[in-house]
Amino acid sequence: MTESIEQMIDDLKGKLRLVNTSVLNKDSFPEDKKEELKEIHTMVMSRKNISTSEMAAITQALGDLRK
């Protein structure tokens, strides 16, 4: 199943429980970064718990993907 950028962003917002969800705006992620976003999404969704350091790395990686 192919997930849309919007669905992956919504999933990440829920799983990461970010305080400032505006940093994950679907319009901020270009279509050519969809595969990288999918890799992050798959990793995050497969984890039961995410440590503070992992959260920092994930948010940094997401920030790097933004336009």
N, C-alpha and C. Protein backbone atom coordinates (compact mmCIF):
# COMPACT_ATOMS: atom_id res chain seq x y z
N MET A 1 0.84 -1.18 0.00
CA MET A 1 0.00 0.00 0.00
C MET A 1 0.89 1.24 0.00
N THR A 2 0.58 2.15 -0.89
CA THR A 2 1.32 3.41 -0.97
C THR A 2 0.64 4.44 -0.10
N GLU A 3 1.41 4.98 0.82
CA GLU A 3 0.85 5.99 1.72
C GLU A 3 1.16 7.37 1.19
N SER A 4 0.24 8.27 1.38
CA SER A 4 0.46 9.65 0.96
C SER A 4 1.34 10.36 1.99
N ILE A 5 1.95 11.44 1.55
CA ILE A 5 2.76 12.25 2.46
C ILE A 5 1.88 12.72 3.62
N GLU A 6 0.66 13.14 3.31
CA GLU A 6 -0.25 13.63 4.35
C GLU A 6 -0.53 12.56 5.40
N GLN A 7 -0.77 11.32 4.97
CA GLN A 7 -1.05 10.24 5.91
C GLN A 7 0.17 9.92 6.77
N MET A 8 1.36 9.90 6.14
CA MET A 8 2.58 9.62 6.90
C MET A 8 2.81 10.71 7.95
N ILE A 9 2.60 11.97 7.57
CA ILE A 9 2.77 13.09 8.50
C ILE A 9 1.79 12.96 9.66
N ASP A 10 0.54 12.66 9.36
CA ASP A 10 -0.46 12.48 10.42
C ASP A 10 -0.07 11.36 11.37
N ASP A 11 0.42 10.24 10.82
CA ASP A 11 0.87 9.12 11.64
C ASP A 11 2.03 9.54 12.55
N LEU A 12 2.99 10.26 11.97
CA LEU A 12 4.15 10.69 12.75
C LEU A 12 3.75 11.65 13.86
N LYS A 13 2.85 12.56 13.56
CA LYS A 13 2.38 13.50 14.59
C LYS A 13 1.80 12.75 15.77
N GLY A 14 1.00 11.73 15.50
CA GLY A 14 0.38 10.95 16.56
C GLY A 14 1.38 10.13 17.35
N LYS A 15 2.28 9.48 16.65
CA LYS A 15 3.25 8.61 17.31
C LYS A 15 4.30 9.39 18.11
N LEU A 16 4.75 10.51 17.55
CA LEU A 16 5.81 11.28 18.21
C LEU A 16 5.28 12.22 19.29
N ARG A 17 4.00 12.47 19.28
CA ARG A 17 3.37 13.36 20.26
C ARG A 17 4.14 14.67 20.41
N LEU A 18 4.39 15.32 19.28
CA LEU A 18 5.12 16.58 19.28
C LEU A 18 4.27 17.69 19.87
N VAL A 19 4.92 18.59 20.59
CA VAL A 19 4.23 19.73 21.17
C VAL A 19 3.85 20.72 20.06
N ASN A 20 4.78 20.99 19.17
CA ASN A 20 4.56 21.92 18.07
C ASN A 20 4.37 21.13 16.78
N THR A 21 3.14 20.75 16.50
CA THR A 21 2.89 19.93 15.30
C THR A 21 2.96 20.72 14.01
N SER A 22 3.05 22.05 14.10
CA SER A 22 3.14 22.85 12.89
C SER A 22 4.46 22.60 12.14
N VAL A 23 5.45 22.06 12.82
CA VAL A 23 6.71 21.75 12.14
C VAL A 23 6.53 20.59 11.16
N LEU A 24 5.47 19.83 11.33
CA LEU A 24 5.16 18.73 10.41
C LEU A 24 3.95 19.10 9.56
N ASN A 25 4.18 20.02 8.64
CA ASN A 25 3.13 20.44 7.72
C ASN A 25 3.34 19.71 6.41
N LYS A 26 2.31 19.05 5.91
CA LYS A 26 2.45 18.25 4.69
C LYS A 26 2.96 19.06 3.51
N ASP A 27 2.66 20.33 3.48
CA ASP A 27 3.10 21.18 2.38
C ASP A 27 4.59 21.51 2.45
N SER A 28 5.22 21.21 3.57
CA SER A 28 6.65 21.49 3.74
C SER A 28 7.54 20.37 3.20
N PHE A 29 6.94 19.26 2.83
CA PHE A 29 7.71 18.11 2.37
C PHE A 29 7.51 17.92 0.87
N PRO A 30 8.57 18.14 0.08
CA PRO A 30 8.44 17.98 -1.37
C PRO A 30 8.23 16.52 -1.76
N GLU A 31 7.57 16.32 -2.86
CA GLU A 31 7.26 14.97 -3.35
C GLU A 31 8.53 14.15 -3.59
N ASP A 32 9.62 14.81 -3.98
CA ASP A 32 10.86 14.06 -4.26
C ASP A 32 11.54 13.55 -2.99
N LYS A 33 11.04 13.93 -1.82
CA LYS A 33 11.58 13.44 -0.55
C LYS A 33 10.68 12.36 0.06
N LYS A 34 9.70 11.89 -0.71
CA LYS A 34 8.72 10.94 -0.18
C LYS A 34 9.37 9.63 0.28
N GLU A 35 10.36 9.13 -0.44
CA GLU A 35 11.00 7.87 -0.05
C GLU A 35 11.74 8.00 1.27
N GLU A 36 12.44 9.11 1.46
CA GLU A 36 13.14 9.35 2.73
C GLU A 36 12.14 9.48 3.87
N LEU A 37 11.03 10.18 3.60
CA LEU A 37 9.98 10.31 4.61
C LEU A 37 9.39 8.95 4.94
N LYS A 38 9.21 8.12 3.93
CA LYS A 38 8.65 6.77 4.14
C LYS A 38 9.58 5.93 5.02
N GLU A 39 10.89 6.06 4.81
CA GLU A 39 11.85 5.32 5.64
C GLU A 39 11.75 5.74 7.11
N ILE A 40 11.67 7.04 7.34
CA ILE A 40 11.52 7.53 8.72
C ILE A 40 10.20 7.05 9.30
N HIS A 41 9.14 7.16 8.53
CA HIS A 41 7.80 6.73 8.95
C HIS A 41 7.81 5.26 9.34
N THR A 42 8.38 4.41 8.50
CA THR A 42 8.42 2.97 8.76
C THR A 42 9.17 2.68 10.06
N MET A 43 10.31 3.33 10.26
CA MET A 43 11.11 3.11 11.46
C MET A 43 10.35 3.56 12.71
N VAL A 44 9.77 4.76 12.65
CA VAL A 44 9.06 5.29 13.82
C VAL A 44 7.85 4.42 14.16
N MET A 45 7.10 4.04 13.17
CA MET A 45 5.87 3.28 13.41
C MET A 45 6.18 1.86 13.91
N SER A 46 7.37 1.37 13.64
CA SER A 46 7.72 0.02 14.08
C SER A 46 8.20 -0.02 15.54
N ARG A 47 8.49 1.15 16.10
CA ARG A 47 9.03 1.24 17.45
C ARG A 47 7.91 1.36 18.47
N LYS A 48 8.06 0.64 19.58
CA LYS A 48 7.10 0.77 20.67
C LYS A 48 7.40 2.02 21.49
N ASN A 49 8.67 2.23 21.77
CA ASN A 49 9.11 3.39 22.55
C ASN A 49 10.20 4.12 21.78
N ILE A 50 10.25 5.43 21.96
CA ILE A 50 11.27 6.25 21.32
C ILE A 50 11.95 7.07 22.41
N SER A 51 13.27 6.92 22.50
CA SER A 51 14.02 7.64 23.53
C SER A 51 14.13 9.12 23.17
N THR A 52 14.55 9.91 24.13
CA THR A 52 14.73 11.34 23.91
C THR A 52 15.76 11.61 22.83
N SER A 53 16.86 10.87 22.86
CA SER A 53 17.90 11.09 21.84
C SER A 53 17.42 10.66 20.46
N GLU A 54 16.64 9.58 20.40
CA GLU A 54 16.07 9.15 19.12
C GLU A 54 15.07 10.20 18.60
N MET A 55 14.28 10.77 19.51
CA MET A 55 13.33 11.81 19.13
C MET A 55 14.05 13.00 18.52
N ALA A 56 15.16 13.39 19.14
CA ALA A 56 15.94 14.51 18.62
C ALA A 56 16.47 14.19 17.21
N ALA A 57 16.97 12.98 17.03
CA ALA A 57 17.50 12.58 15.73
C ALA A 57 16.39 12.53 14.67
N ILE A 58 15.23 12.04 15.05
CA ILE A 58 14.10 11.94 14.12
C ILE A 58 13.63 13.33 13.72
N THR A 59 13.48 14.22 14.68
CA THR A 59 13.01 15.57 14.35
C THR A 59 14.06 16.31 13.50
N GLN A 60 15.34 16.06 13.75
CA GLN A 60 16.39 16.65 12.92
C GLN A 60 16.29 16.11 11.49
N ALA A 61 16.11 14.81 11.34
CA ALA A 61 15.99 14.21 10.02
C ALA A 61 14.77 14.74 9.28
N LEU A 62 13.65 14.89 9.98
CA LEU A 62 12.46 15.45 9.36
C LEU A 62 12.69 16.89 8.94
N GLY A 63 13.36 17.64 9.78
CA GLY A 63 13.69 19.03 9.45
C GLY A 63 14.56 19.14 8.21
N ASP A 64 15.48 18.20 8.06
CA ASP A 64 16.37 18.19 6.89
C ASP A 64 15.60 17.91 5.60
N LEU A 65 14.48 17.22 5.70
CA LEU A 65 13.68 16.88 4.51
C LEU A 65 12.79 18.02 4.05
N ARG A 66 12.52 18.95 4.94
CA ARG A 66 11.60 20.04 4.61
C ARG A 66 12.16 20.93 3.51
N LYS A 67 11.25 21.61 2.81
CA LYS A 67 11.63 22.54 1.73
C LYS A 67 12.42 23.70 2.29
